[in-house]
Full PDB file with SEQRES, HELIX, SHEET, SSBOND, CRYST1, ORIGX, SCALE, CONECT and MASTER records, all heavy atoms in Angstrom:
SEQRES   1 A   33  LEU ALA VAL PRO VAL ARG PRO ASP ALA ALA TRP PRO LEU          
SEQRES   2 A   33  LEU ALA SER LEU ASP CYS SER ALA MET VAL PRO GLY ASN          
SEQRES   3 A   33  ARG GLU SER HIS PRO LEU LYS                                  
HELIX    1 AA1 ALA A   10  SER A   16  1                                   7    
HELIX    2 AA2 ASN A   26  GLU A   28  5                                   3    
CRYST1    1.000    1.000    1.000  90.00  90.00  90.00 P 1           1          
ORIGX1      1.000000  0.000000  0.000000        0.00000                         
ORIGX2      0.000000  1.000000  0.000000        0.00000                         
ORIGX3      0.000000  0.000000  1.000000        0.00000                         
SCALE1      1.000000  0.000000  0.000000        0.00000                         
SCALE2      0.000000  1.000000  0.000000        0.00000                         
SCALE3      0.000000  0.000000  1.000000        0.00000                         
ATOM      1  N   LEU A   1       0.905   9.067   8.952  1.00  0.00           N  
ATOM      2  CA  LEU A   1       1.580  10.257   8.442  1.00  0.00           C  
ATOM      3  C   LEU A   1       2.984   9.980   7.925  1.00  0.00           C  
ATOM      4  O   LEU A   1       3.673  10.899   7.485  1.00  0.00           O  
ATOM      5  CB  LEU A   1       1.626  11.337   9.530  1.00  0.00           C  
ATOM      6  CG  LEU A   1       0.264  11.872   9.987  1.00  0.00           C  
ATOM      7  CD1 LEU A   1       0.429  12.897  11.101  1.00  0.00           C  
ATOM      8  CD2 LEU A   1      -0.510  12.480   8.824  1.00  0.00           C  
ATOM      9  N   ALA A   2       3.403   8.732   7.983  1.00  0.00           N  
ATOM     10  CA  ALA A   2       4.739   8.387   7.499  1.00  0.00           C  
ATOM     11  C   ALA A   2       4.797   8.477   5.978  1.00  0.00           C  
ATOM     12  O   ALA A   2       3.809   8.222   5.284  1.00  0.00           O  
ATOM     13  CB  ALA A   2       5.120   6.987   7.947  1.00  0.00           C  
ATOM     14  N   VAL A   3       5.966   8.852   5.468  1.00  0.00           N  
ATOM     15  CA  VAL A   3       6.206   8.873   4.022  1.00  0.00           C  
ATOM     16  C   VAL A   3       7.341   7.898   3.740  1.00  0.00           C  
ATOM     17  O   VAL A   3       8.507   8.209   3.980  1.00  0.00           O  
ATOM     18  CB  VAL A   3       6.566  10.278   3.531  1.00  0.00           C  
ATOM     19  CG1 VAL A   3       6.832  10.262   2.026  1.00  0.00           C  
ATOM     20  CG2 VAL A   3       5.453  11.270   3.861  1.00  0.00           C  
ATOM     21  N   PRO A   4       7.032   6.691   3.279  1.00  0.00           N  
ATOM     22  CA  PRO A   4       8.080   5.687   3.058  1.00  0.00           C  
ATOM     23  C   PRO A   4       9.035   6.108   1.945  1.00  0.00           C  
ATOM     24  O   PRO A   4       8.640   6.750   0.973  1.00  0.00           O  
ATOM     25  CB  PRO A   4       7.296   4.430   2.670  1.00  0.00           C  
ATOM     26  CG  PRO A   4       5.987   4.931   2.164  1.00  0.00           C  
ATOM     27  CD  PRO A   4       5.689   6.183   2.921  1.00  0.00           C  
ATOM     28  N   VAL A   5      10.304   5.725   2.092  1.00  0.00           N  
ATOM     29  CA  VAL A   5      11.317   6.089   1.108  1.00  0.00           C  
ATOM     30  C   VAL A   5      11.457   5.022   0.024  1.00  0.00           C  
ATOM     31  O   VAL A   5      12.109   5.261  -0.994  1.00  0.00           O  
ATOM     32  CB  VAL A   5      12.682   6.331   1.782  1.00  0.00           C  
ATOM     33  CG1 VAL A   5      12.603   7.497   2.750  1.00  0.00           C  
ATOM     34  CG2 VAL A   5      13.150   5.076   2.510  1.00  0.00           C  
ATOM     35  N   ARG A   6      10.855   3.872   0.233  1.00  0.00           N  
ATOM     36  CA  ARG A   6      10.905   2.793  -0.762  1.00  0.00           C  
ATOM     37  C   ARG A   6       9.554   2.063  -0.758  1.00  0.00           C  
ATOM     38  O   ARG A   6       8.793   2.156   0.217  1.00  0.00           O  
ATOM     39  CB  ARG A   6      12.041   1.821  -0.459  1.00  0.00           C  
ATOM     40  CG  ARG A   6      11.928   1.125   0.888  1.00  0.00           C  
ATOM     41  CD  ARG A   6      13.117   0.200   1.135  1.00  0.00           C  
ATOM     42  NE  ARG A   6      14.370   0.930   1.163  1.00  0.00           N  
ATOM     43  CZ  ARG A   6      14.851   1.513   2.275  1.00  0.00           C  
ATOM     44  NH1 ARG A   6      14.175   1.439   3.425  1.00  0.00           N  
ATOM     45  NH2 ARG A   6      15.989   2.155   2.247  1.00  0.00           N  
ATOM     46  N   PRO A   7       9.234   1.353  -1.823  1.00  0.00           N  
ATOM     47  CA  PRO A   7       7.955   0.642  -1.872  1.00  0.00           C  
ATOM     48  C   PRO A   7       7.818  -0.355  -0.731  1.00  0.00           C  
ATOM     49  O   PRO A   7       8.785  -1.029  -0.354  1.00  0.00           O  
ATOM     50  CB  PRO A   7       8.001  -0.074  -3.230  1.00  0.00           C  
ATOM     51  CG  PRO A   7       8.942   0.730  -4.054  1.00  0.00           C  
ATOM     52  CD  PRO A   7       9.971   1.240  -3.096  1.00  0.00           C  
ATOM     53  N   ASP A   8       6.622  -0.456  -0.185  1.00  0.00           N  
ATOM     54  CA  ASP A   8       6.380  -1.409   0.894  1.00  0.00           C  
ATOM     55  C   ASP A   8       6.516  -2.830   0.360  1.00  0.00           C  
ATOM     56  O   ASP A   8       6.096  -3.153  -0.758  1.00  0.00           O  
ATOM     57  CB  ASP A   8       4.981  -1.201   1.474  1.00  0.00           C  
ATOM     58  CG  ASP A   8       4.792  -1.927   2.791  1.00  0.00           C  
ATOM     59  OD1 ASP A   8       4.449  -3.134   2.758  1.00  0.00           O  
ATOM     60  OD2 ASP A   8       4.993  -1.314   3.847  1.00  0.00           O  
ATOM     61  N   ALA A   9       7.083  -3.705   1.177  1.00  0.00           N  
ATOM     62  CA  ALA A   9       7.343  -5.092   0.768  1.00  0.00           C  
ATOM     63  C   ALA A   9       6.059  -5.872   0.508  1.00  0.00           C  
ATOM     64  O   ALA A   9       6.091  -6.910  -0.164  1.00  0.00           O  
ATOM     65  CB  ALA A   9       8.166  -5.794   1.841  1.00  0.00           C  
ATOM     66  N   ALA A  10       4.935  -5.378   1.025  1.00  0.00           N  
ATOM     67  CA  ALA A  10       3.676  -6.114   0.848  1.00  0.00           C  
ATOM     68  C   ALA A  10       3.121  -6.000  -0.565  1.00  0.00           C  
ATOM     69  O   ALA A  10       2.405  -6.906  -1.019  1.00  0.00           O  
ATOM     70  CB  ALA A  10       2.630  -5.617   1.842  1.00  0.00           C  
ATOM     71  N   TRP A  11       3.434  -4.925  -1.281  1.00  0.00           N  
ATOM     72  CA  TRP A  11       2.814  -4.719  -2.588  1.00  0.00           C  
ATOM     73  C   TRP A  11       3.137  -5.833  -3.588  1.00  0.00           C  
ATOM     74  O   TRP A  11       2.219  -6.369  -4.230  1.00  0.00           O  
ATOM     75  CB  TRP A  11       3.180  -3.357  -3.158  1.00  0.00           C  
ATOM     76  CG  TRP A  11       2.605  -2.182  -2.436  1.00  0.00           C  
ATOM     77  CD1 TRP A  11       3.289  -1.091  -1.956  1.00  0.00           C  
ATOM     78  CD2 TRP A  11       1.236  -1.947  -2.092  1.00  0.00           C  
ATOM     79  NE1 TRP A  11       2.440  -0.203  -1.348  1.00  0.00           N  
ATOM     80  CE2 TRP A  11       1.171  -0.702  -1.415  1.00  0.00           C  
ATOM     81  CE3 TRP A  11       0.057  -2.669  -2.293  1.00  0.00           C  
ATOM     82  CZ2 TRP A  11      -0.031  -0.160  -0.945  1.00  0.00           C  
ATOM     83  CZ3 TRP A  11      -1.137  -2.129  -1.817  1.00  0.00           C  
ATOM     84  CH2 TRP A  11      -1.174  -0.900  -1.161  1.00  0.00           C  
ATOM     85  N   PRO A  12       4.399  -6.214  -3.787  1.00  0.00           N  
ATOM     86  CA  PRO A  12       4.651  -7.306  -4.733  1.00  0.00           C  
ATOM     87  C   PRO A  12       4.070  -8.634  -4.268  1.00  0.00           C  
ATOM     88  O   PRO A  12       3.676  -9.468  -5.093  1.00  0.00           O  
ATOM     89  CB  PRO A  12       6.179  -7.358  -4.835  1.00  0.00           C  
ATOM     90  CG  PRO A  12       6.683  -6.658  -3.622  1.00  0.00           C  
ATOM     91  CD  PRO A  12       5.661  -5.619  -3.298  1.00  0.00           C  
ATOM     92  N   LEU A  13       3.996  -8.849  -2.958  1.00  0.00           N  
ATOM     93  CA  LEU A  13       3.378 -10.071  -2.457  1.00  0.00           C  
ATOM     94  C   LEU A  13       1.890 -10.089  -2.775  1.00  0.00           C  
ATOM     95  O   LEU A  13       1.337 -11.124  -3.174  1.00  0.00           O  
ATOM     96  CB  LEU A  13       3.609 -10.198  -0.948  1.00  0.00           C  
ATOM     97  CG  LEU A  13       5.054 -10.390  -0.503  1.00  0.00           C  
ATOM     98  CD1 LEU A  13       5.145 -10.378   1.027  1.00  0.00           C  
ATOM     99  CD2 LEU A  13       5.628 -11.694  -1.058  1.00  0.00           C  
ATOM    100  N   LEU A  14       1.251  -8.941  -2.609  1.00  0.00           N  
ATOM    101  CA  LEU A  14      -0.177  -8.853  -2.921  1.00  0.00           C  
ATOM    102  C   LEU A  14      -0.412  -9.130  -4.404  1.00  0.00           C  
ATOM    103  O   LEU A  14      -1.360  -9.827  -4.768  1.00  0.00           O  
ATOM    104  CB  LEU A  14      -0.702  -7.470  -2.544  1.00  0.00           C  
ATOM    105  CG  LEU A  14      -2.199  -7.343  -2.255  1.00  0.00           C  
ATOM    106  CD1 LEU A  14      -2.566  -8.109  -0.993  1.00  0.00           C  
ATOM    107  CD2 LEU A  14      -2.600  -5.885  -2.119  1.00  0.00           C  
ATOM    108  N   ALA A  15       0.458  -8.593  -5.242  1.00  0.00           N  
ATOM    109  CA  ALA A  15       0.330  -8.834  -6.685  1.00  0.00           C  
ATOM    110  C   ALA A  15       0.546 -10.303  -7.022  1.00  0.00           C  
ATOM    111  O   ALA A  15      -0.164 -10.871  -7.856  1.00  0.00           O  
ATOM    112  CB  ALA A  15       1.329  -7.960  -7.441  1.00  0.00           C  
ATOM    113  N   SER A  16       1.508 -10.929  -6.366  1.00  0.00           N  
ATOM    114  CA  SER A  16       1.784 -12.341  -6.640  1.00  0.00           C  
ATOM    115  C   SER A  16       0.622 -13.233  -6.225  1.00  0.00           C  
ATOM    116  O   SER A  16       0.452 -14.331  -6.756  1.00  0.00           O  
ATOM    117  CB  SER A  16       3.059 -12.781  -5.909  1.00  0.00           C  
ATOM    118  OG  SER A  16       2.854 -12.878  -4.504  1.00  0.00           O  
ATOM    119  N   LEU A  17      -0.190 -12.759  -5.283  1.00  0.00           N  
ATOM    120  CA  LEU A  17      -1.348 -13.509  -4.815  1.00  0.00           C  
ATOM    121  C   LEU A  17      -2.595 -13.225  -5.654  1.00  0.00           C  
ATOM    122  O   LEU A  17      -3.668 -13.748  -5.349  1.00  0.00           O  
ATOM    123  CB  LEU A  17      -1.624 -13.161  -3.342  1.00  0.00           C  
ATOM    124  CG  LEU A  17      -0.558 -13.640  -2.362  1.00  0.00           C  
ATOM    125  CD1 LEU A  17      -0.713 -12.932  -1.015  1.00  0.00           C  
ATOM    126  CD2 LEU A  17      -0.633 -15.148  -2.179  1.00  0.00           C  
ATOM    127  N   ASP A  18      -2.434 -12.383  -6.680  1.00  0.00           N  
ATOM    128  CA  ASP A  18      -3.546 -12.030  -7.564  1.00  0.00           C  
ATOM    129  C   ASP A  18      -4.720 -11.482  -6.756  1.00  0.00           C  
ATOM    130  O   ASP A  18      -5.869 -11.923  -6.902  1.00  0.00           O  
ATOM    131  CB  ASP A  18      -3.977 -13.252  -8.390  1.00  0.00           C  
ATOM    132  CG  ASP A  18      -4.952 -12.887  -9.501  1.00  0.00           C  
ATOM    133  OD1 ASP A  18      -4.957 -11.723  -9.926  1.00  0.00           O  
ATOM    134  OD2 ASP A  18      -5.713 -13.782  -9.937  1.00  0.00           O  
ATOM    135  N   CYS A  19      -4.403 -10.505  -5.902  1.00  0.00           N  
ATOM    136  CA  CYS A  19      -5.469  -9.849  -5.129  1.00  0.00           C  
ATOM    137  C   CYS A  19      -6.408  -9.138  -6.093  1.00  0.00           C  
ATOM    138  O   CYS A  19      -5.979  -8.330  -6.923  1.00  0.00           O  
ATOM    139  CB  CYS A  19      -4.865  -8.855  -4.137  1.00  0.00           C  
ATOM    140  SG  CYS A  19      -6.086  -8.030  -3.100  1.00  0.00           S  
ATOM    141  N   SER A  20      -7.695  -9.429  -5.987  1.00  0.00           N  
ATOM    142  CA  SER A  20      -8.680  -8.897  -6.934  1.00  0.00           C  
ATOM    143  C   SER A  20      -8.901  -7.410  -6.745  1.00  0.00           C  
ATOM    144  O   SER A  20      -9.017  -6.660  -7.729  1.00  0.00           O  
ATOM    145  CB  SER A  20     -10.005  -9.648  -6.771  1.00  0.00           C  
ATOM    146  OG  SER A  20      -9.803 -11.049  -6.825  1.00  0.00           O  
ATOM    147  N   ALA A  21      -8.989  -6.958  -5.500  1.00  0.00           N  
ATOM    148  CA  ALA A  21      -9.191  -5.543  -5.197  1.00  0.00           C  
ATOM    149  C   ALA A  21      -8.965  -5.322  -3.715  1.00  0.00           C  
ATOM    150  O   ALA A  21      -9.062  -6.257  -2.900  1.00  0.00           O  
ATOM    151  CB  ALA A  21     -10.595  -5.078  -5.592  1.00  0.00           C  
ATOM    152  N   MET A  22      -8.669  -4.069  -3.356  1.00  0.00           N  
ATOM    153  CA  MET A  22      -8.528  -3.705  -1.950  1.00  0.00           C  
ATOM    154  C   MET A  22      -9.098  -2.311  -1.733  1.00  0.00           C  
ATOM    155  O   MET A  22      -9.252  -1.529  -2.675  1.00  0.00           O  
ATOM    156  CB  MET A  22      -7.061  -3.725  -1.517  1.00  0.00           C  
ATOM    157  CG  MET A  22      -6.224  -2.583  -2.057  1.00  0.00           C  
ATOM    158  SD  MET A  22      -4.568  -2.450  -1.287  1.00  0.00           S  
ATOM    159  CE  MET A  22      -5.006  -2.023   0.413  1.00  0.00           C  
ATOM    160  N   VAL A  23      -9.428  -2.019  -0.475  1.00  0.00           N  
ATOM    161  CA  VAL A  23      -9.779  -0.666  -0.068  1.00  0.00           C  
ATOM    162  C   VAL A  23      -8.645  -0.153   0.817  1.00  0.00           C  
ATOM    163  O   VAL A  23      -8.053  -0.932   1.573  1.00  0.00           O  
ATOM    164  CB  VAL A  23     -11.126  -0.635   0.693  1.00  0.00           C  
ATOM    165  CG1 VAL A  23     -11.039  -1.364   2.035  1.00  0.00           C  
ATOM    166  CG2 VAL A  23     -11.601   0.802   0.906  1.00  0.00           C  
ATOM    167  N   PRO A  24      -8.281   1.114   0.712  1.00  0.00           N  
ATOM    168  CA  PRO A  24      -7.230   1.626   1.586  1.00  0.00           C  
ATOM    169  C   PRO A  24      -7.674   1.647   3.050  1.00  0.00           C  
ATOM    170  O   PRO A  24      -8.853   1.841   3.365  1.00  0.00           O  
ATOM    171  CB  PRO A  24      -6.994   3.057   1.082  1.00  0.00           C  
ATOM    172  CG  PRO A  24      -7.648   3.120  -0.264  1.00  0.00           C  
ATOM    173  CD  PRO A  24      -8.762   2.129  -0.226  1.00  0.00           C  
ATOM    174  N   GLY A  25      -6.714   1.459   3.924  1.00  0.00           N  
ATOM    175  CA  GLY A  25      -6.925   1.726   5.336  1.00  0.00           C  
ATOM    176  C   GLY A  25      -6.285   3.051   5.687  1.00  0.00           C  
ATOM    177  O   GLY A  25      -5.696   3.727   4.831  1.00  0.00           O  
ATOM    178  N   ASN A  26      -6.365   3.434   6.946  1.00  0.00           N  
ATOM    179  CA  ASN A  26      -5.735   4.687   7.346  1.00  0.00           C  
ATOM    180  C   ASN A  26      -4.228   4.658   7.121  1.00  0.00           C  
ATOM    181  O   ASN A  26      -3.604   5.678   6.834  1.00  0.00           O  
ATOM    182  CB  ASN A  26      -6.060   5.015   8.795  1.00  0.00           C  
ATOM    183  CG  ASN A  26      -5.974   3.824   9.724  1.00  0.00           C  
ATOM    184  OD1 ASN A  26      -6.869   2.973   9.709  1.00  0.00           O  
ATOM    185  ND2 ASN A  26      -4.923   3.739  10.515  1.00  0.00           N  
ATOM    186  N   ARG A  27      -3.601   3.472   7.205  1.00  0.00           N  
ATOM    187  CA  ARG A  27      -2.164   3.379   6.970  1.00  0.00           C  
ATOM    188  C   ARG A  27      -1.794   3.676   5.515  1.00  0.00           C  
ATOM    189  O   ARG A  27      -0.675   4.106   5.243  1.00  0.00           O  
ATOM    190  CB  ARG A  27      -1.641   1.989   7.360  1.00  0.00           C  
ATOM    191  CG  ARG A  27      -1.456   1.804   8.852  1.00  0.00           C  
ATOM    192  CD  ARG A  27      -1.022   0.398   9.206  1.00  0.00           C  
ATOM    193  NE  ARG A  27      -0.715   0.328  10.634  1.00  0.00           N  
ATOM    194  CZ  ARG A  27       0.508   0.340  11.153  1.00  0.00           C  
ATOM    195  NH1 ARG A  27       1.558   0.417  10.348  1.00  0.00           N  
ATOM    196  NH2 ARG A  27       0.694   0.289  12.450  1.00  0.00           N  
ATOM    197  N   GLU A  28      -2.703   3.427   4.607  1.00  0.00           N  
ATOM    198  CA  GLU A  28      -2.422   3.719   3.203  1.00  0.00           C  
ATOM    199  C   GLU A  28      -2.765   5.151   2.818  1.00  0.00           C  
ATOM    200  O   GLU A  28      -2.556   5.563   1.681  1.00  0.00           O  
ATOM    201  CB  GLU A  28      -3.187   2.748   2.296  1.00  0.00           C  
ATOM    202  CG  GLU A  28      -2.614   1.343   2.235  1.00  0.00           C  
ATOM    203  CD  GLU A  28      -3.055   0.453   3.375  1.00  0.00           C  
ATOM    204  OE1 GLU A  28      -4.241   0.522   3.776  1.00  0.00           O  
ATOM    205  OE2 GLU A  28      -2.221  -0.312   3.893  1.00  0.00           O  
ATOM    206  N   SER A  29      -3.314   5.908   3.747  1.00  0.00           N  
ATOM    207  CA  SER A  29      -3.723   7.275   3.435  1.00  0.00           C  
ATOM    208  C   SER A  29      -2.654   8.278   3.859  1.00  0.00           C  
ATOM    209  O   SER A  29      -1.717   7.955   4.601  1.00  0.00           O  
ATOM    210  CB  SER A  29      -5.035   7.614   4.138  1.00  0.00           C  
ATOM    211  OG  SER A  29      -4.830   7.761   5.530  1.00  0.00           O  
ATOM    212  N   HIS A  30      -2.807   9.498   3.378  1.00  0.00           N  
ATOM    213  CA  HIS A  30      -1.929  10.605   3.763  1.00  0.00           C  
ATOM    214  C   HIS A  30      -2.625  11.895   3.333  1.00  0.00           C  
ATOM    215  O   HIS A  30      -3.314  11.908   2.304  1.00  0.00           O  
ATOM    216  CB  HIS A  30      -0.561  10.479   3.088  1.00  0.00           C  
ATOM    217  CG  HIS A  30       0.509  11.275   3.747  1.00  0.00           C  
ATOM    218  ND1 HIS A  30       0.686  12.635   3.518  1.00  0.00           N  
ATOM    219  CD2 HIS A  30       1.463  10.926   4.653  1.00  0.00           C  
ATOM    220  CE1 HIS A  30       1.704  13.072   4.240  1.00  0.00           C  
ATOM    221  NE2 HIS A  30       2.187  12.064   4.944  1.00  0.00           N  
ATOM    222  N   PRO A  31      -2.464  12.982   4.080  1.00  0.00           N  
ATOM    223  CA  PRO A  31      -3.139  14.228   3.693  1.00  0.00           C  
ATOM    224  C   PRO A  31      -2.520  14.918   2.484  1.00  0.00           C  
ATOM    225  O   PRO A  31      -3.145  15.814   1.915  1.00  0.00           O  
ATOM    226  CB  PRO A  31      -3.008  15.099   4.946  1.00  0.00           C  
ATOM    227  CG  PRO A  31      -1.817  14.569   5.662  1.00  0.00           C  
ATOM    228  CD  PRO A  31      -1.823  13.092   5.399  1.00  0.00           C  
ATOM    229  N   LEU A  32      -1.315  14.518   2.079  1.00  0.00           N  
ATOM    230  CA  LEU A  32      -0.642  15.149   0.951  1.00  0.00           C  
ATOM    231  C   LEU A  32      -0.497  14.167  -0.210  1.00  0.00           C  
ATOM    232  O   LEU A  32      -0.258  12.974   0.001  1.00  0.00           O  
ATOM    233  CB  LEU A  32       0.738  15.658   1.367  1.00  0.00           C  
ATOM    234  CG  LEU A  32       0.775  16.656   2.530  1.00  0.00           C  
ATOM    235  CD1 LEU A  32       2.209  17.051   2.842  1.00  0.00           C  
ATOM    236  CD2 LEU A  32      -0.082  17.881   2.233  1.00  0.00           C  
ATOM    237  N   LYS A  33      -0.622  14.673  -1.424  1.00  0.00           N  
ATOM    238  CA  LYS A  33      -0.511  13.818  -2.607  1.00  0.00           C  
ATOM    239  C   LYS A  33       0.853  13.154  -2.686  1.00  0.00           C  
ATOM    240  O   LYS A  33       0.963  11.998  -3.099  1.00  0.00           O  
ATOM    241  CB  LYS A  33      -0.794  14.638  -3.864  1.00  0.00           C  
ATOM    242  CG  LYS A  33      -2.239  15.101  -3.957  1.00  0.00           C  
ATOM    243  CD  LYS A  33      -2.512  15.873  -5.238  1.00  0.00           C  
ATOM    244  CE  LYS A  33      -3.978  16.302  -5.293  1.00  0.00           C  
ATOM    245  NZ  LYS A  33      -4.302  17.052  -6.527  1.00  0.00           N  
TER     246      LYS A  33                                                      
MASTER        0    0    0    2    0    0    0    6  245    1    0    3          
END                                                                             
């Protein structure tokens, strides 16, 4: 239920690793857009 105020540090690392695809976990979800 947390709403981060800045982008998570993992996202650019994932991009640098050329991640092909991911599925969200509960941590990536939220009930509000």
